[in-house]
Amino acid sequence: MTGMAFLFFLLILAIAALIVVKAFVVKKVVVTGSTHHPEEVIEQWLLDDENSWSSLYVYFKYKFQEPRELPFVASMKVSLKSPQVLKIDVYEKEILGRVYIESLGQNAYFDKDGVVVEMSSEVIENVPKINGLDVKRIVLNEKLPIEGKSVLKNLLSLTQLLKKYQLEPESIKYGGEGNYTLKYGKLSVSMGQAQHFNEKVVRLSYLMPKLEGQKGTLHLESWTENTKDITFEKSG
């Protein structure tokens, strides 16, 4: 390659580099899937250094390294919608309930397997607080150490059903003889023991709109396929 050809080649490279620098500038960030953190927080969390003005830089940065851990977020994926638009897909940790640990002043948030996925003093909306459990020691990323073989299994079954039908209560109380009580403001729902949970929650999904604003206790503990006994006890 002659000297002139080499200079021409360098000139082409310089022009190409300039085009890339000018074209791949972050002007917009689109965030999807984040219900816990505002979009601005996600954007600031990922675009966290002096080179983050370049969309190409940000894209390749997270192509080869994981984003810093963010509370309640399982993972994030960065892609390019266009040279000037970054897309961030947020995949949040699936949370079914929380157990408040008084000695720590924190909530232990657990997933569908009963594994503690987050410890935080923050109270998340639509995540029921579980009362009445005998929990002595909580370890992050390990299952809730609940005494009683079937207690955790039944609790997870109930919380999953309530989430499925969008009936998450403020709290779930595990009481004597294995009874479960749901609390929705001034309304209590006595679910009884861990039998016919699926049918009871389906029935509850039909009854809740009619009980809006009511104060009292809905009794589902005696419900069976044969009796279908349901009563509502109003309180003053």
Protein backbone atom coordinates (compact mmCIF):
# COMPACT_ATOMS: atom_id res chain seq x y z
CA MET A 1 0.00 0.00 0.00
CA THR A 2 1.42 3.36 -1.06
CA GLY A 3 1.69 6.30 1.33
CA MET A 4 -1.16 8.11 -0.42
CA ALA A 5 -3.40 5.05 -0.28
CA PHE A 6 -2.62 4.57 3.39
CA LEU A 7 -3.52 8.20 4.16
CA PHE A 8 -6.76 7.81 2.21
CA PHE A 9 -7.54 4.67 4.21
CA LEU A 10 -6.93 6.55 7.47
CA LEU A 11 -9.16 9.37 6.26
CA ILE A 12 -11.99 6.90 5.55
CA LEU A 13 -11.58 5.40 9.02
CA ALA A 14 -11.63 8.85 10.61
CA ILE A 15 -14.80 9.82 8.72
CA ALA A 16 -16.46 6.52 9.68
CA ALA A 17 -15.49 7.01 13.32
CA LEU A 18 -16.86 10.57 13.25
CA ILE A 19 -20.15 9.35 11.79
CA VAL A 20 -20.42 6.73 14.53
CA VAL A 21 -19.63 9.29 17.25
CA LYS A 22 -22.16 11.80 15.90
CA ALA A 23 -24.90 9.27 15.09
CA PHE A 24 -24.84 7.03 18.19
CA VAL A 25 -25.74 9.63 20.82
CA VAL A 26 -28.32 8.80 23.50
CA LYS A 27 -31.29 11.11 23.06
CA LYS A 28 -34.03 8.86 24.42
CA VAL A 29 -34.27 5.90 26.79
CA VAL A 30 -37.30 3.60 26.76
CA VAL A 31 -37.81 1.52 29.93
CA THR A 32 -40.24 -1.41 30.07
CA GLY A 33 -41.18 -3.82 32.84
CA SER A 34 -40.28 -1.64 35.81
CA THR A 35 -43.12 -1.31 38.32
CA HIS A 36 -41.00 -0.81 41.42
CA HIS A 37 -38.46 1.80 40.26
CA PRO A 38 -39.28 4.97 38.26
CA GLU A 39 -37.90 5.02 34.72
CA GLU A 40 -35.51 7.83 35.67
CA VAL A 41 -33.92 5.65 38.35
CA ILE A 42 -33.35 2.79 35.90
CA GLU A 43 -31.85 5.19 33.36
CA GLN A 44 -29.48 6.78 35.89
CA TRP A 45 -28.53 3.36 37.26
CA LEU A 46 -27.34 2.08 33.88
CA LEU A 47 -26.02 5.28 32.30
CA ASP A 48 -23.59 5.71 35.16
CA ASP A 49 -20.28 6.89 33.70
CA GLU A 50 -18.83 9.68 31.55
CA ASN A 51 -19.07 7.64 28.33
CA SER A 52 -22.77 6.86 28.69
CA TRP A 53 -23.69 9.61 26.23
CA SER A 54 -22.83 7.07 23.50
CA SER A 55 -25.61 4.58 22.81
CA LEU A 56 -23.16 2.22 21.16
CA TYR A 57 -20.90 2.31 24.21
CA VAL A 58 -23.80 1.58 26.57
CA TYR A 59 -25.04 -1.25 24.37
CA PHE A 60 -21.68 -3.02 24.21
CA LYS A 61 -20.91 -2.28 27.85
CA TYR A 62 -23.90 -4.34 29.01
CA LYS A 63 -23.35 -6.90 26.30
CA PHE A 64 -20.22 -8.02 28.12
CA GLN A 65 -20.99 -7.20 31.76
CA GLU A 66 -23.95 -7.48 34.08
CA PRO A 67 -25.55 -4.27 35.40
CA ARG A 68 -25.01 -3.46 39.07
CA GLU A 69 -27.48 -5.17 41.35
CA LEU A 70 -30.63 -3.12 41.93
CA PRO A 71 -33.11 -3.99 44.71
CA PHE A 72 -36.12 -6.05 43.55
CA VAL A 73 -34.69 -6.41 40.02
CA ALA A 74 -33.68 -9.86 38.75
CA SER A 75 -32.04 -8.69 35.50
CA MET A 76 -32.00 -5.95 32.85
CA LYS A 77 -31.42 -6.16 29.11
CA VAL A 78 -30.16 -3.22 27.03
CA SER A 79 -30.82 -3.01 23.29
CA LEU A 80 -30.75 -0.38 20.52
CA LYS A 81 -34.06 0.65 19.01
CA SER A 82 -32.18 3.13 16.83
CA PRO A 83 -28.77 4.86 16.99
CA GLN A 84 -30.23 7.45 19.37
CA VAL A 85 -32.78 5.37 21.31
CA LEU A 86 -31.85 2.85 24.00
CA LYS A 87 -34.35 0.25 25.19
CA ILE A 88 -34.06 -1.20 28.68
CA ASP A 89 -36.14 -4.27 29.54
CA VAL A 90 -36.44 -4.75 33.28
CA TYR A 91 -37.20 -8.19 34.73
CA GLU A 92 -38.29 -7.87 38.33
CA LYS A 93 -38.03 -10.50 41.02
CA GLU A 94 -41.28 -12.37 41.50
CA ILE A 95 -42.49 -11.62 45.02
CA LEU A 96 -45.46 -13.30 46.70
CA GLY A 97 -45.26 -12.06 50.27
CA ARG A 98 -43.19 -10.60 53.07
CA VAL A 99 -42.34 -11.55 56.62
CA TYR A 100 -41.43 -8.68 58.94
CA ILE A 101 -38.37 -9.40 61.08
CA GLU A 102 -38.77 -7.15 64.11
CA SER A 103 -35.22 -7.66 65.42
CA LEU A 104 -33.82 -6.40 62.09
CA GLY A 105 -36.50 -3.84 61.32
CA GLN A 106 -36.71 -5.31 57.83
CA ASN A 107 -39.05 -7.26 55.59
CA ALA A 108 -37.99 -10.60 54.11
CA TYR A 109 -39.58 -10.81 50.66
CA PHE A 110 -40.04 -14.33 49.29
CA ASP A 111 -40.84 -15.80 45.86
CA LYS A 112 -43.01 -18.69 44.61
CA ASP A 113 -40.52 -21.23 45.98
CA GLY A 114 -40.43 -19.63 49.42
CA VAL A 115 -36.91 -18.35 48.84
CA VAL A 116 -36.03 -14.99 50.41
CA VAL A 117 -35.05 -12.84 47.42
CA GLU A 118 -34.83 -9.43 49.09
CA MET A 119 -34.38 -7.87 52.52
CA SER A 120 -35.64 -4.31 52.83
CA SER A 121 -37.24 -1.86 55.25
CA GLU A 122 -39.43 -0.75 52.35
CA VAL A 123 -43.07 -1.86 52.23
CA ILE A 124 -44.22 -2.73 48.72
CA GLU A 125 -47.85 -2.25 47.75
CA ASN A 126 -49.89 -5.39 46.92
CA VAL A 127 -47.42 -7.70 48.65
CA PRO A 128 -49.18 -9.26 51.67
CA LYS A 129 -47.54 -9.30 55.07
CA ILE A 130 -47.54 -12.80 56.57
CA ASN A 131 -48.34 -12.89 60.29
CA GLY A 132 -48.27 -15.75 62.78
CA LEU A 133 -45.29 -17.67 61.43
CA ASP A 134 -42.61 -19.04 63.69
CA VAL A 135 -39.57 -17.72 61.83
CA LYS A 136 -36.39 -17.51 63.90
CA ARG A 137 -33.62 -17.02 61.36
CA ILE A 138 -33.75 -15.49 57.87
CA VAL A 139 -31.01 -15.97 55.29
CA LEU A 140 -31.05 -14.17 51.95
CA ASN A 141 -31.38 -16.53 48.95
CA GLU A 142 -32.50 -19.39 51.16
CA LYS A 143 -35.98 -20.77 51.88
CA LEU A 144 -38.02 -19.42 54.76
CA PRO A 145 -37.22 -21.66 57.75
CA ILE A 146 -40.82 -22.29 58.73
CA GLU A 147 -41.55 -25.05 61.22
CA GLY A 148 -44.09 -27.59 60.03
CA LYS A 149 -43.71 -29.59 56.82
CA SER A 150 -46.80 -28.41 54.98
CA VAL A 151 -47.08 -24.84 56.31
CA LEU A 152 -44.79 -23.26 53.70
CA LYS A 153 -46.26 -25.38 50.90
CA ASN A 154 -49.81 -24.34 51.78
CA LEU A 155 -48.83 -20.69 52.24
CA LEU A 156 -47.18 -20.60 48.80
CA SER A 157 -50.21 -22.25 47.23
CA LEU A 158 -52.52 -19.64 48.77
CA THR A 159 -50.36 -16.62 47.87
CA GLN A 160 -49.97 -17.82 44.28
CA LEU A 161 -53.72 -18.24 43.88
CA LEU A 162 -54.41 -14.79 45.35
CA LYS A 163 -51.87 -13.24 42.99
CA LYS A 164 -53.35 -15.09 40.01
CA TYR A 165 -56.80 -13.65 40.71
CA GLN A 166 -55.43 -10.22 41.71
CA LEU A 167 -56.79 -10.57 45.24
CA GLU A 168 -53.61 -9.78 47.19
CA PRO A 169 -54.65 -8.81 50.75
CA GLU A 170 -52.87 -6.43 53.10
CA SER A 171 -51.98 -9.38 55.31
CA ILE A 172 -52.38 -13.13 55.70
CA LYS A 173 -52.53 -14.51 59.23
CA TYR A 174 -51.55 -18.09 59.93
CA GLY A 175 -53.39 -19.02 63.11
CA GLY A 176 -54.03 -21.89 65.41
CA GLU A 177 -54.90 -25.28 63.92
CA GLY A 178 -53.57 -24.19 60.55
CA ASN A 179 -56.25 -21.62 59.77
CA TYR A 180 -55.60 -18.74 57.36
CA THR A 181 -57.24 -15.31 57.54
CA LEU A 182 -56.97 -12.62 54.87
CA LYS A 183 -57.23 -8.94 55.72
CA TYR A 184 -58.52 -6.28 53.30
CA GLY A 185 -58.85 -3.05 55.25
CA LYS A 186 -61.88 -3.52 57.51
CA LEU A 187 -62.86 -6.75 55.79
CA SER A 188 -61.57 -10.13 56.98
CA VAL A 189 -61.85 -13.37 55.04
CA SER A 190 -61.61 -16.57 57.04
CA MET A 191 -60.21 -19.23 54.68
CA GLY A 192 -59.98 -21.98 57.29
CA GLN A 193 -57.47 -24.75 56.80
CA ALA A 194 -55.57 -25.56 53.62
CA GLN A 195 -58.40 -27.37 51.86
CA HIS A 196 -60.20 -26.35 48.66
CA PHE A 197 -58.01 -23.23 48.41
CA ASN A 198 -58.48 -23.03 44.65
CA GLU A 199 -62.29 -23.18 44.83
CA LYS A 200 -62.39 -20.76 47.75
CA VAL A 201 -60.24 -18.16 46.00
CA VAL A 202 -62.33 -18.47 42.81
CA ARG A 203 -65.48 -17.90 44.88
CA LEU A 204 -63.81 -14.97 46.64
CA SER A 205 -63.04 -13.36 43.26
CA TYR A 206 -66.79 -13.28 42.55
CA LEU A 207 -67.75 -12.02 46.01
CA MET A 208 -65.17 -9.24 46.51
CA PRO A 209 -66.83 -6.65 44.22
CA LYS A 210 -70.06 -7.05 46.23
CA LEU A 211 -68.22 -6.62 49.54
CA GLU A 212 -66.43 -3.40 48.61
CA GLY A 213 -66.63 -0.92 51.50
CA GLN A 214 -68.09 -3.52 53.86
CA LYS A 215 -66.87 -4.11 57.40
CA GLY A 216 -66.96 -7.60 58.80
CA THR A 217 -65.87 -11.19 58.24
CA LEU A 218 -66.54 -13.43 55.26
CA HIS A 219 -66.59 -17.06 56.34
CA LEU A 220 -65.23 -19.51 53.79
CA GLU A 221 -63.74 -21.96 56.27
CA SER A 222 -66.71 -24.36 56.07
CA TRP A 223 -66.92 -24.28 52.27
CA THR A 224 -66.84 -27.66 50.58
CA GLU A 225 -68.02 -28.93 47.22
CA ASN A 226 -71.00 -30.47 48.99
CA THR A 227 -72.09 -27.77 51.48
CA LYS A 228 -70.85 -24.59 49.76
CA ASP A 229 -71.48 -22.82 53.07
CA ILE A 230 -70.67 -19.07 52.89
CA THR A 231 -71.77 -16.46 55.43
CA PHE A 232 -70.90 -12.80 55.94
CA GLU A 233 -70.79 -11.51 59.50
CA LYS A 234 -71.09 -7.73 59.64
CA SER A 235 -69.37 -5.78 62.38
CA GLY A 236 -70.30 -2.41 63.76
